[in-house]
Amino acid sequence: MKRCRWVDEKSEIYIKYHDEEWGVPKFDDRELFELLILESFQAGLSWITVLKKRDAFRIAYDNFDVKKVANYSEKKINELLADKNIIRSKSKIAASINNAKIFIEIQKEFGSFSNYIWSFTDKKIICNKTDRIPVSSPLSDKISKDLKKRGMKYTGTVIIYSYLQAIGVVNDHESCCFKYPK
């Protein structure tokens, strides 16, 4: 079975992520929040690093319960900074709490974060039928700008483009891949 060239065929976690998640449309706000936080933690690191720590993040971040994360105390922040099983970045942890609060504001405004993020494409999936996968796009520029205007951190256009791929708004499977849209 052929996969996108970026998949390390020796890594079960990468194969599973590619085959079962990447590019699959997601509409559940908990899942959308989880991936938004994980993408922000990936900044400057490889995605495999984040994937390997994903289960530990789920435990440390209360299964990405956005209301709990939005109300994390200084004590909880210190626990996260001491947790060697996750990525311990004070600025990324602070951003995750800040972003949780804004995520909730967006949910209130749009009825759900899913309604918000999918509104940028009128609920349509963008299928890029090219093997030259970009790192950003006019769509990621627009969403990044809006999220930053709302006060979110670690939501630059490259992170947002990767997020859009992860949640299936953008399908960038390569033509050699069995997941390539026909």
C-alpha atoms as a PDB file:
ATOM      1  CA  MET A   1       0.000   0.000   0.000  1.00  0.00           C
ATOM      2  CA  LYS A   2       1.492   3.355  -1.052  1.00  0.00           C
ATOM      3  CA  ARG A   3       1.328   6.326   1.283  1.00  0.00           C
ATOM      4  CA  CYS A   4       2.364   9.969   1.162  1.00  0.00           C
ATOM      5  CA  ARG A   5       6.144  10.301   1.019  1.00  0.00           C
ATOM      6  CA  TRP A   6       6.330  12.084   4.387  1.00  0.00           C
ATOM      7  CA  VAL A   7       5.173   8.954   6.231  1.00  0.00           C
ATOM      8  CA  ASP A   8       7.978   7.021   7.904  1.00  0.00           C
ATOM      9  CA  GLU A   9       7.011   3.461   6.950  1.00  0.00           C
ATOM     10  CA  LYS A  10       8.953   2.125   9.951  1.00  0.00           C
ATOM     11  CA  SER A  11       6.837   4.124  12.407  1.00  0.00           C
ATOM     12  CA  GLU A  12       3.548   2.486  13.373  1.00  0.00           C
ATOM     13  CA  ILE A  13       2.335   5.690  15.016  1.00  0.00           C
ATOM     14  CA  TYR A  14       2.966   7.693  11.828  1.00  0.00           C
ATOM     15  CA  ILE A  15       1.300   5.055   9.638  1.00  0.00           C
ATOM     16  CA  LYS A  16      -1.756   4.919  11.909  1.00  0.00           C
ATOM     17  CA  TYR A  17      -1.999   8.724  12.018  1.00  0.00           C
ATOM     18  CA  HIS A  18      -1.714   9.006   8.231  1.00  0.00           C
ATOM     19  CA  ASP A  19      -4.093   6.150   7.441  1.00  0.00           C
ATOM     20  CA  GLU A  20      -6.793   6.884  10.009  1.00  0.00           C
ATOM     21  CA  GLU A  21      -6.678  10.592  10.860  1.00  0.00           C
ATOM     22  CA  TRP A  22      -4.750  12.965   8.609  1.00  0.00           C
ATOM     23  CA  GLY A  23      -7.044  14.624   6.121  1.00  0.00           C
ATOM     24  CA  VAL A  24     -10.187  13.048   7.597  1.00  0.00           C
ATOM     25  CA  PRO A  25     -12.837  15.754   8.191  1.00  0.00           C
ATOM     26  CA  LYS A  26     -13.413  16.428  11.875  1.00  0.00           C
ATOM     27  CA  PHE A  27     -16.399  18.264  13.320  1.00  0.00           C
ATOM     28  CA  ASP A  28     -16.215  17.422  17.029  1.00  0.00           C
ATOM     29  CA  ASP A  29     -15.114  20.443  19.072  1.00  0.00           C
ATOM     30  CA  ARG A  30     -13.111  18.370  21.572  1.00  0.00           C
ATOM     31  CA  GLU A  31     -11.133  16.803  18.735  1.00  0.00           C
ATOM     32  CA  LEU A  32     -10.716  20.183  17.026  1.00  0.00           C
ATOM     33  CA  PHE A  33      -9.428  21.691  20.271  1.00  0.00           C
ATOM     34  CA  GLU A  34      -7.011  18.802  20.842  1.00  0.00           C
ATOM     35  CA  LEU A  35      -5.473  19.167  17.405  1.00  0.00           C
ATOM     36  CA  LEU A  36      -5.284  22.962  17.689  1.00  0.00           C
ATOM     37  CA  ILE A  37      -3.324  22.618  20.935  1.00  0.00           C
ATOM     38  CA  LEU A  38      -1.097  19.824  19.601  1.00  0.00           C
ATOM     39  CA  GLU A  39      -0.329  21.787  16.425  1.00  0.00           C
ATOM     40  CA  SER A  40       0.693  24.793  18.528  1.00  0.00           C
ATOM     41  CA  PHE A  41       3.016  22.607  20.611  1.00  0.00           C
ATOM     42  CA  GLN A  42       4.567  21.277  17.401  1.00  0.00           C
ATOM     43  CA  ALA A  43       5.911  24.719  16.454  1.00  0.00           C
ATOM     44  CA  GLY A  44       9.664  24.303  15.971  1.00  0.00           C
ATOM     45  CA  LEU A  45       9.500  20.538  16.450  1.00  0.00           C
ATOM     46  CA  SER A  46       8.624  17.527  14.325  1.00  0.00           C
ATOM     47  CA  TRP A  47       5.085  16.171  14.241  1.00  0.00           C
ATOM     48  CA  ILE A  48       6.354  12.706  15.238  1.00  0.00           C
ATOM     49  CA  THR A  49       7.598  14.230  18.506  1.00  0.00           C
ATOM     50  CA  VAL A  50       4.072  15.434  19.248  1.00  0.00           C
ATOM     51  CA  LEU A  51       2.450  12.161  18.173  1.00  0.00           C
ATOM     52  CA  LYS A  52       4.686  10.185  20.521  1.00  0.00           C
ATOM     53  CA  LYS A  53       3.605  12.431  23.407  1.00  0.00           C
ATOM     54  CA  ARG A  54      -0.068  12.624  22.430  1.00  0.00           C
ATOM     55  CA  ASP A  55      -1.360  10.137  25.012  1.00  0.00           C
ATOM     56  CA  ALA A  56       0.602  11.922  27.750  1.00  0.00           C
ATOM     57  CA  PHE A  57      -0.862  15.235  26.567  1.00  0.00           C
ATOM     58  CA  ARG A  58      -4.361  13.772  26.808  1.00  0.00           C
ATOM     59  CA  ILE A  59      -3.725  12.839  30.425  1.00  0.00           C
ATOM     60  CA  ALA A  60      -1.962  16.092  31.346  1.00  0.00           C
ATOM     61  CA  TYR A  61      -4.586  18.221  29.565  1.00  0.00           C
ATOM     62  CA  ASP A  62      -7.670  16.503  31.023  1.00  0.00           C
ATOM     63  CA  ASN A  63      -8.511  14.870  27.668  1.00  0.00           C
ATOM     64  CA  PHE A  64      -8.516  18.349  26.139  1.00  0.00           C
ATOM     65  CA  ASP A  65     -11.616  19.471  28.012  1.00  0.00           C
ATOM     66  CA  VAL A  66     -11.603  23.092  26.816  1.00  0.00           C
ATOM     67  CA  LYS A  67     -13.419  24.429  29.905  1.00  0.00           C
ATOM     68  CA  LYS A  68     -10.927  22.785  32.259  1.00  0.00           C
ATOM     69  CA  VAL A  69      -7.949  24.019  30.234  1.00  0.00           C
ATOM     70  CA  ALA A  70      -9.357  27.576  30.163  1.00  0.00           C
ATOM     71  CA  ASN A  71      -9.427  27.543  33.966  1.00  0.00           C
ATOM     72  CA  TYR A  72      -5.992  26.089  34.663  1.00  0.00           C
ATOM     73  CA  SER A  73      -4.438  27.564  37.789  1.00  0.00           C
ATOM     74  CA  GLU A  74      -0.828  28.459  38.497  1.00  0.00           C
ATOM     75  CA  LYS A  75      -0.548  25.126  40.333  1.00  0.00           C
ATOM     76  CA  LYS A  76      -1.682  23.247  37.201  1.00  0.00           C
ATOM     77  CA  ILE A  77       0.735  25.248  35.033  1.00  0.00           C
ATOM     78  CA  ASN A  78       3.584  24.230  37.334  1.00  0.00           C
ATOM     79  CA  GLU A  79       2.446  20.581  37.105  1.00  0.00           C
ATOM     80  CA  LEU A  80       2.527  20.814  33.301  1.00  0.00           C
ATOM     81  CA  LEU A  81       5.969  22.419  33.361  1.00  0.00           C
ATOM     82  CA  ALA A  82       7.205  19.542  35.544  1.00  0.00           C
ATOM     83  CA  ASP A  83       5.639  16.787  33.393  1.00  0.00           C
ATOM     84  CA  LYS A  84       8.522  15.213  31.459  1.00  0.00           C
ATOM     85  CA  ASN A  85       6.061  13.254  29.313  1.00  0.00           C
ATOM     86  CA  ILE A  86       4.831  16.339  27.430  1.00  0.00           C
ATOM     87  CA  ILE A  87       6.527  19.262  25.708  1.00  0.00           C
ATOM     88  CA  ARG A  88       7.391  21.654  28.520  1.00  0.00           C
ATOM     89  CA  SER A  89       7.316  25.136  27.110  1.00  0.00           C
ATOM     90  CA  LYS A  90       6.071  27.873  29.379  1.00  0.00           C
ATOM     91  CA  SER A  91       4.999  30.075  26.457  1.00  0.00           C
ATOM     92  CA  LYS A  92       3.156  27.226  24.703  1.00  0.00           C
ATOM     93  CA  ILE A  93       1.405  26.182  27.914  1.00  0.00           C
ATOM     94  CA  ALA A  94       0.352  29.797  28.541  1.00  0.00           C
ATOM     95  CA  ALA A  95      -0.846  30.025  24.928  1.00  0.00           C
ATOM     96  CA  SER A  96      -2.889  26.825  25.285  1.00  0.00           C
ATOM     97  CA  ILE A  97      -4.774  28.288  28.251  1.00  0.00           C
ATOM     98  CA  ASN A  98      -5.276  31.613  26.484  1.00  0.00           C
ATOM     99  CA  ASN A  99      -6.409  29.825  23.317  1.00  0.00           C
ATOM    100  CA  ALA A 100      -8.873  27.678  25.294  1.00  0.00           C
ATOM    101  CA  LYS A 101     -10.581  30.855  26.525  1.00  0.00           C
ATOM    102  CA  ILE A 102     -10.814  32.233  22.982  1.00  0.00           C
ATOM    103  CA  PHE A 103     -11.973  28.843  21.668  1.00  0.00           C
ATOM    104  CA  ILE A 104     -14.900  29.062  24.137  1.00  0.00           C
ATOM    105  CA  GLU A 105     -15.682  32.615  22.978  1.00  0.00           C
ATOM    106  CA  ILE A 106     -15.752  31.373  19.366  1.00  0.00           C
ATOM    107  CA  GLN A 107     -18.049  28.502  20.385  1.00  0.00           C
ATOM    108  CA  LYS A 108     -20.454  31.008  21.937  1.00  0.00           C
ATOM    109  CA  GLU A 109     -20.356  33.254  18.878  1.00  0.00           C
ATOM    110  CA  PHE A 110     -20.759  30.523  16.238  1.00  0.00           C
ATOM    111  CA  GLY A 111     -22.568  27.775  18.173  1.00  0.00           C
ATOM    112  CA  SER A 112     -19.451  25.586  17.922  1.00  0.00           C
ATOM    113  CA  PHE A 113     -15.832  25.908  16.924  1.00  0.00           C
ATOM    114  CA  SER A 114     -16.625  23.465  14.124  1.00  0.00           C
ATOM    115  CA  ASN A 115     -19.134  25.935  12.661  1.00  0.00           C
ATOM    116  CA  TYR A 116     -16.474  28.639  12.835  1.00  0.00           C
ATOM    117  CA  ILE A 117     -13.584  26.740  11.221  1.00  0.00           C
ATOM    118  CA  TRP A 118     -15.696  25.121   8.497  1.00  0.00           C
ATOM    119  CA  SER A 119     -17.380  28.445   7.658  1.00  0.00           C
ATOM    120  CA  PHE A 120     -14.174  29.548   5.920  1.00  0.00           C
ATOM    121  CA  THR A 121     -14.813  26.973   3.165  1.00  0.00           C
ATOM    122  CA  ASP A 122     -18.620  26.815   3.328  1.00  0.00           C
ATOM    123  CA  LYS A 123     -18.158  23.322   4.805  1.00  0.00           C
ATOM    124  CA  LYS A 124     -16.314  22.165   1.678  1.00  0.00           C
ATOM    125  CA  ILE A 125     -13.080  20.164   1.717  1.00  0.00           C
ATOM    126  CA  ILE A 126     -10.202  21.702  -0.220  1.00  0.00           C
ATOM    127  CA  CYS A 127      -8.547  18.945  -2.279  1.00  0.00           C
ATOM    128  CA  ASN A 128      -5.149  19.993  -3.518  1.00  0.00           C
ATOM    129  CA  LYS A 129      -4.389  17.715  -6.401  1.00  0.00           C
ATOM    130  CA  THR A 130      -0.665  18.334  -6.456  1.00  0.00           C
ATOM    131  CA  ASP A 131       2.346  16.600  -5.009  1.00  0.00           C
ATOM    132  CA  ARG A 132       3.889  19.938  -4.043  1.00  0.00           C
ATOM    133  CA  ILE A 133       2.307  20.331  -0.643  1.00  0.00           C
ATOM    134  CA  PRO A 134       2.405  23.964   0.469  1.00  0.00           C
ATOM    135  CA  VAL A 135       3.183  25.085   3.997  1.00  0.00           C
ATOM    136  CA  SER A 136       0.572  27.835   3.914  1.00  0.00           C
ATOM    137  CA  SER A 137      -2.197  29.172   1.694  1.00  0.00           C
ATOM    138  CA  PRO A 138      -4.466  32.188   1.346  1.00  0.00           C
ATOM    139  CA  LEU A 139      -6.993  30.215   3.440  1.00  0.00           C
ATOM    140  CA  SER A 140      -4.520  29.592   6.282  1.00  0.00           C
ATOM    141  CA  ASP A 141      -3.430  33.242   6.042  1.00  0.00           C
ATOM    142  CA  LYS A 142      -7.051  34.363   6.469  1.00  0.00           C
ATOM    143  CA  ILE A 143      -7.826  32.028   9.394  1.00  0.00           C
ATOM    144  CA  SER A 144      -4.522  32.806  11.098  1.00  0.00           C
ATOM    145  CA  LYS A 145      -5.191  36.531  10.818  1.00  0.00           C
ATOM    146  CA  ASP A 146      -8.680  36.112  12.275  1.00  0.00           C
ATOM    147  CA  LEU A 147      -7.506  33.928  15.171  1.00  0.00           C
ATOM    148  CA  LYS A 148      -4.699  36.354  15.988  1.00  0.00           C
ATOM    149  CA  LYS A 149      -7.142  39.263  15.867  1.00  0.00           C
ATOM    150  CA  ARG A 150      -9.226  37.360  18.436  1.00  0.00           C
ATOM    151  CA  GLY A 151      -6.097  37.001  20.605  1.00  0.00           C
ATOM    152  CA  MET A 152      -4.918  33.451  19.921  1.00  0.00           C
ATOM    153  CA  LYS A 153      -1.206  32.667  20.121  1.00  0.00           C
ATOM    154  CA  TYR A 154       0.881  30.132  18.169  1.00  0.00           C
ATOM    155  CA  THR A 155      -1.594  30.300  15.311  1.00  0.00           C
ATOM    156  CA  GLY A 156       0.598  31.548  12.489  1.00  0.00           C
ATOM    157  CA  THR A 157      -0.259  30.618   8.926  1.00  0.00           C
ATOM    158  CA  VAL A 158       2.092  27.587   8.809  1.00  0.00           C
ATOM    159  CA  ILE A 159       0.637  26.133  12.027  1.00  0.00           C
ATOM    160  CA  ILE A 160      -2.897  26.816  10.801  1.00  0.00           C
ATOM    161  CA  TYR A 161      -2.217  25.201   7.427  1.00  0.00           C
ATOM    162  CA  SER A 162      -0.945  22.088   9.191  1.00  0.00           C
ATOM    163  CA  TYR A 163      -4.041  22.220  11.428  1.00  0.00           C
ATOM    164  CA  LEU A 164      -6.342  22.435   8.396  1.00  0.00           C
ATOM    165  CA  GLN A 165      -4.652  19.325   6.984  1.00  0.00           C
ATOM    166  CA  ALA A 166      -4.972  17.508  10.312  1.00  0.00           C
ATOM    167  CA  ILE A 167      -8.703  18.246  10.652  1.00  0.00           C
ATOM    168  CA  GLY A 168      -9.522  17.473   7.039  1.00  0.00           C
ATOM    169  CA  VAL A 169     -10.480  20.943   5.841  1.00  0.00           C
ATOM    170  CA  VAL A 170      -7.556  20.518   3.438  1.00  0.00           C
ATOM    171  CA  ASN A 171      -6.824  17.145   1.844  1.00  0.00           C
ATOM    172  CA  ASP A 172      -3.192  17.082   0.736  1.00  0.00           C
ATOM    173  CA  HIS A 173      -2.663  13.362   0.184  1.00  0.00           C
ATOM    174  CA  GLU A 174      -0.183  12.853  -2.651  1.00  0.00           C
ATOM    175  CA  SER A 175      -1.174  11.222  -5.947  1.00  0.00           C
ATOM    176  CA  CYS A 176       0.860   8.115  -5.105  1.00  0.00           C
ATOM    177  CA  CYS A 177      -1.102   7.627  -1.863  1.00  0.00           C
ATOM    178  CA  PHE A 178      -4.025   5.240  -1.453  1.00  0.00           C
ATOM    179  CA  LYS A 179      -5.847   8.080   0.387  1.00  0.00           C
ATOM    180  CA  TYR A 180      -5.537  10.447  -2.580  1.00  0.00           C
ATOM    181  CA  PRO A 181      -8.977  11.821  -3.498  1.00  0.00           C
ATOM    182  CA  LYS A 182     -10.145  10.236  -6.729  1.00  0.00           C
END
